[in-house]
């Protein structure tokens, strides 16, 4: 867990992930428990983070993948 402190103004395209925004997160803890061993979080470490931006209704969780599939199918030629 952490606090989102900065979001880039512009998105960048990642070959594997698609369109992404660079963010800066302030972690709530300075250590991680990896296989029972405590490791310090150090500057420059890479992470993949999910940012919670709101709540969705249950129906949206089922419909979103369908809409995304249709949108991608229509845009690829």
N, C-alpha and C. Protein backbone atom coordinates (compact mmCIF):
# COMPACT_ATOMS: atom_id res chain seq x y z
N UNK A 1 0.84 -1.18 0.00
CA UNK A 1 0.00 0.00 0.00
C UNK A 1 0.88 1.24 0.00
N UNK A 2 0.34 2.32 -0.57
CA UNK A 2 1.09 3.56 -0.62
C UNK A 2 0.20 4.72 -1.00
N UNK A 3 0.82 5.88 -1.08
CA UNK A 3 0.11 7.11 -1.43
C UNK A 3 0.60 7.59 -2.79
N UNK A 4 -0.33 7.81 -3.71
CA UNK A 4 0.00 8.33 -5.03
C UNK A 4 0.36 9.80 -4.88
N UNK A 5 1.60 10.17 -5.26
CA UNK A 5 2.01 11.56 -5.08
C UNK A 5 2.21 12.30 -6.40
N UNK A 6 2.30 11.58 -7.54
CA UNK A 6 2.47 12.26 -8.83
C UNK A 6 2.01 11.35 -9.96
N UNK A 7 1.31 11.93 -10.93
CA UNK A 7 0.94 11.24 -12.17
C UNK A 7 1.46 12.08 -13.32
N UNK A 8 2.15 11.46 -14.27
CA UNK A 8 2.67 12.18 -15.43
C UNK A 8 1.52 12.77 -16.24
N UNK A 9 1.78 13.91 -16.87
CA UNK A 9 0.75 14.55 -17.69
C UNK A 9 0.47 13.78 -18.97
N UNK A 10 1.50 13.11 -19.51
CA UNK A 10 1.36 12.40 -20.77
C UNK A 10 1.56 10.90 -20.58
N UNK A 11 0.82 10.13 -21.35
CA UNK A 11 0.96 8.67 -21.32
C UNK A 11 2.10 8.26 -22.23
N UNK A 12 2.67 7.09 -21.96
CA UNK A 12 3.68 6.51 -22.83
C UNK A 12 3.20 5.11 -23.22
N UNK A 13 3.67 4.64 -24.38
CA UNK A 13 3.25 3.31 -24.83
C UNK A 13 4.32 2.29 -24.51
N UNK A 14 3.94 1.28 -23.76
CA UNK A 14 4.82 0.18 -23.39
C UNK A 14 4.48 -0.99 -24.30
N UNK A 15 5.51 -1.67 -24.83
CA UNK A 15 5.28 -2.77 -25.77
C UNK A 15 4.43 -3.88 -25.16
N UNK A 16 4.62 -4.16 -23.89
CA UNK A 16 3.91 -5.26 -23.24
C UNK A 16 2.61 -4.82 -22.59
N UNK A 17 2.61 -3.62 -21.99
CA UNK A 17 1.45 -3.19 -21.20
C UNK A 17 0.48 -2.29 -21.95
N UNK A 18 0.91 -1.72 -23.06
CA UNK A 18 0.06 -0.78 -23.79
C UNK A 18 0.31 0.64 -23.30
N UNK A 19 -0.75 1.45 -23.27
CA UNK A 19 -0.64 2.83 -22.83
C UNK A 19 -0.59 2.88 -21.30
N UNK A 20 0.44 3.54 -20.77
CA UNK A 20 0.61 3.64 -19.32
C UNK A 20 1.00 5.07 -18.94
N UNK A 21 0.76 5.41 -17.70
CA UNK A 21 1.19 6.69 -17.14
C UNK A 21 2.25 6.43 -16.09
N UNK A 22 3.32 7.20 -16.12
CA UNK A 22 4.33 7.08 -15.07
C UNK A 22 3.79 7.76 -13.82
N UNK A 23 3.94 7.07 -12.70
CA UNK A 23 3.46 7.62 -11.43
C UNK A 23 4.57 7.52 -10.39
N UNK A 24 4.42 8.30 -9.34
CA UNK A 24 5.31 8.18 -8.18
C UNK A 24 4.44 7.86 -6.98
N UNK A 25 4.86 6.83 -6.25
CA UNK A 25 4.10 6.35 -5.09
C UNK A 25 4.99 6.42 -3.86
N UNK A 26 4.44 6.94 -2.78
CA UNK A 26 5.14 6.95 -1.49
C UNK A 26 4.66 5.73 -0.72
N UNK A 27 5.52 4.73 -0.52
CA UNK A 27 5.09 3.52 0.19
C UNK A 27 4.78 3.80 1.65
N UNK A 28 3.82 3.06 2.19
CA UNK A 28 3.48 3.20 3.60
C UNK A 28 4.51 2.52 4.50
N UNK A 29 5.20 1.52 3.95
CA UNK A 29 6.25 0.81 4.69
C UNK A 29 7.56 0.97 3.94
N UNK A 30 8.68 0.82 4.63
CA UNK A 30 9.99 0.91 3.98
C UNK A 30 10.64 -0.45 3.78
N UNK A 31 9.91 -1.52 4.13
CA UNK A 31 10.44 -2.87 3.97
C UNK A 31 9.40 -3.78 3.32
N UNK A 32 9.89 -4.87 2.75
CA UNK A 32 9.04 -5.91 2.17
C UNK A 32 9.41 -7.24 2.79
N UNK A 33 8.44 -8.12 2.96
CA UNK A 33 8.69 -9.47 3.45
C UNK A 33 8.69 -10.39 2.23
N UNK A 34 9.87 -10.85 1.84
CA UNK A 34 10.01 -11.71 0.67
C UNK A 34 10.48 -13.08 1.14
N UNK A 35 9.60 -14.08 1.02
CA UNK A 35 9.91 -15.45 1.45
C UNK A 35 10.43 -15.49 2.89
N UNK A 36 9.80 -14.72 3.77
CA UNK A 36 10.17 -14.72 5.17
C UNK A 36 11.37 -13.85 5.51
N UNK A 37 11.97 -13.23 4.51
CA UNK A 37 13.14 -12.37 4.74
C UNK A 37 12.75 -10.91 4.55
N UNK A 38 13.14 -10.05 5.48
CA UNK A 38 12.81 -8.63 5.41
C UNK A 38 13.83 -7.93 4.51
N UNK A 39 13.33 -7.24 3.48
CA UNK A 39 14.17 -6.50 2.54
C UNK A 39 13.78 -5.03 2.57
N UNK A 40 14.77 -4.14 2.53
CA UNK A 40 14.51 -2.71 2.47
C UNK A 40 14.09 -2.30 1.07
N UNK A 41 13.15 -1.38 0.98
CA UNK A 41 12.80 -0.77 -0.30
C UNK A 41 13.86 0.27 -0.59
N UNK A 42 14.43 0.23 -1.81
CA UNK A 42 15.51 1.14 -2.17
C UNK A 42 15.13 1.96 -3.39
N UNK A 43 15.69 3.18 -3.50
CA UNK A 43 15.42 4.01 -4.67
C UNK A 43 15.79 3.29 -5.96
N UNK A 44 14.98 3.48 -6.98
CA UNK A 44 15.25 2.88 -8.29
C UNK A 44 14.61 1.53 -8.51
N UNK A 45 14.04 0.93 -7.48
CA UNK A 45 13.36 -0.36 -7.65
C UNK A 45 12.14 -0.17 -8.53
N UNK A 46 11.89 -1.12 -9.40
CA UNK A 46 10.71 -1.08 -10.27
C UNK A 46 9.56 -1.81 -9.61
N UNK A 47 8.36 -1.33 -9.88
CA UNK A 47 7.16 -1.98 -9.36
C UNK A 47 6.07 -1.94 -10.41
N UNK A 48 5.11 -2.80 -10.25
CA UNK A 48 3.86 -2.71 -11.00
C UNK A 48 2.80 -2.46 -9.95
N UNK A 49 2.07 -1.35 -10.12
CA UNK A 49 1.09 -0.95 -9.11
C UNK A 49 -0.28 -0.79 -9.74
N UNK A 50 -1.28 -1.14 -9.00
CA UNK A 50 -2.66 -0.89 -9.41
C UNK A 50 -3.16 0.30 -8.62
N UNK A 51 -3.70 1.28 -9.34
CA UNK A 51 -4.20 2.48 -8.69
C UNK A 51 -5.72 2.41 -8.65
N UNK A 52 -6.27 2.49 -7.46
CA UNK A 52 -7.73 2.48 -7.31
C UNK A 52 -8.23 3.90 -7.56
N UNK A 53 -9.06 4.04 -8.60
CA UNK A 53 -9.55 5.38 -8.95
C UNK A 53 -11.03 5.55 -8.65
N UNK A 54 -11.66 4.53 -8.19
CA UNK A 54 -13.08 4.63 -7.88
C UNK A 54 -13.68 3.25 -7.73
N UNK A 55 -14.96 3.22 -7.60
CA UNK A 55 -15.66 1.95 -7.45
C UNK A 55 -16.49 1.68 -8.68
N UNK A 56 -16.61 0.41 -9.04
CA UNK A 56 -17.43 0.00 -10.17
C UNK A 56 -18.60 -0.82 -9.67
N UNK A 57 -19.67 -0.74 -10.42
CA UNK A 57 -20.79 -1.63 -10.13
C UNK A 57 -20.43 -3.03 -10.63
N UNK A 58 -21.02 -4.04 -10.08
CA UNK A 58 -20.71 -5.42 -10.45
C UNK A 58 -20.94 -5.64 -11.94
N UNK A 59 -21.99 -5.10 -12.50
CA UNK A 59 -22.28 -5.30 -13.92
C UNK A 59 -21.16 -4.76 -14.80
N UNK A 60 -20.52 -3.66 -14.38
CA UNK A 60 -19.42 -3.09 -15.16
C UNK A 60 -18.23 -4.03 -15.23
N UNK A 61 -18.01 -4.80 -14.18
CA UNK A 61 -16.90 -5.75 -14.18
C UNK A 61 -17.08 -6.81 -15.26
N UNK A 62 -18.33 -7.16 -15.57
CA UNK A 62 -18.60 -8.17 -16.60
C UNK A 62 -18.66 -7.55 -17.99
N UNK A 63 -19.17 -6.34 -18.09
CA UNK A 63 -19.36 -5.71 -19.40
C UNK A 63 -18.07 -5.12 -19.96
N UNK A 64 -17.18 -4.59 -19.11
CA UNK A 64 -15.97 -3.92 -19.59
C UNK A 64 -15.13 -4.79 -20.53
N UNK A 65 -14.83 -6.06 -20.22
CA UNK A 65 -14.03 -6.87 -21.15
C UNK A 65 -14.69 -7.02 -22.52
N UNK A 66 -16.00 -7.09 -22.56
CA UNK A 66 -16.71 -7.21 -23.84
C UNK A 66 -16.57 -5.93 -24.64
N UNK A 67 -16.77 -4.80 -23.98
CA UNK A 67 -16.64 -3.51 -24.66
C UNK A 67 -15.22 -3.32 -25.16
N UNK A 68 -14.23 -3.66 -24.36
CA UNK A 68 -12.83 -3.53 -24.76
C UNK A 68 -12.54 -4.40 -25.97
N UNK A 69 -13.03 -5.64 -25.96
CA UNK A 69 -12.82 -6.56 -27.08
C UNK A 69 -13.44 -6.00 -28.36
N UNK A 70 -14.66 -5.51 -28.27
CA UNK A 70 -15.33 -4.95 -29.44
C UNK A 70 -14.61 -3.72 -29.95
N UNK A 71 -14.15 -2.86 -29.05
CA UNK A 71 -13.44 -1.65 -29.44
C UNK A 71 -12.14 -1.98 -30.15
N UNK A 72 -11.38 -2.94 -29.61
CA UNK A 72 -10.12 -3.33 -30.24
C UNK A 72 -10.37 -4.02 -31.57
N UNK A 73 -11.42 -4.80 -31.65
CA UNK A 73 -11.75 -5.49 -32.89
C UNK A 73 -12.12 -4.53 -34.00
N UNK A 74 -12.78 -3.45 -33.66
CA UNK A 74 -13.18 -2.46 -34.65
C UNK A 74 -12.03 -1.57 -35.07
N UNK A 75 -11.03 -1.37 -34.22
CA UNK A 75 -9.95 -0.45 -34.55
C UNK A 75 -8.80 -1.12 -35.29
N UNK A 76 -8.70 -2.45 -35.27
CA UNK A 76 -7.63 -3.17 -35.95
C UNK A 76 -8.10 -3.55 -37.34
N UNK A 77 -7.29 -3.19 -38.35
CA UNK A 77 -7.67 -3.51 -39.74
C UNK A 77 -6.50 -4.06 -40.49
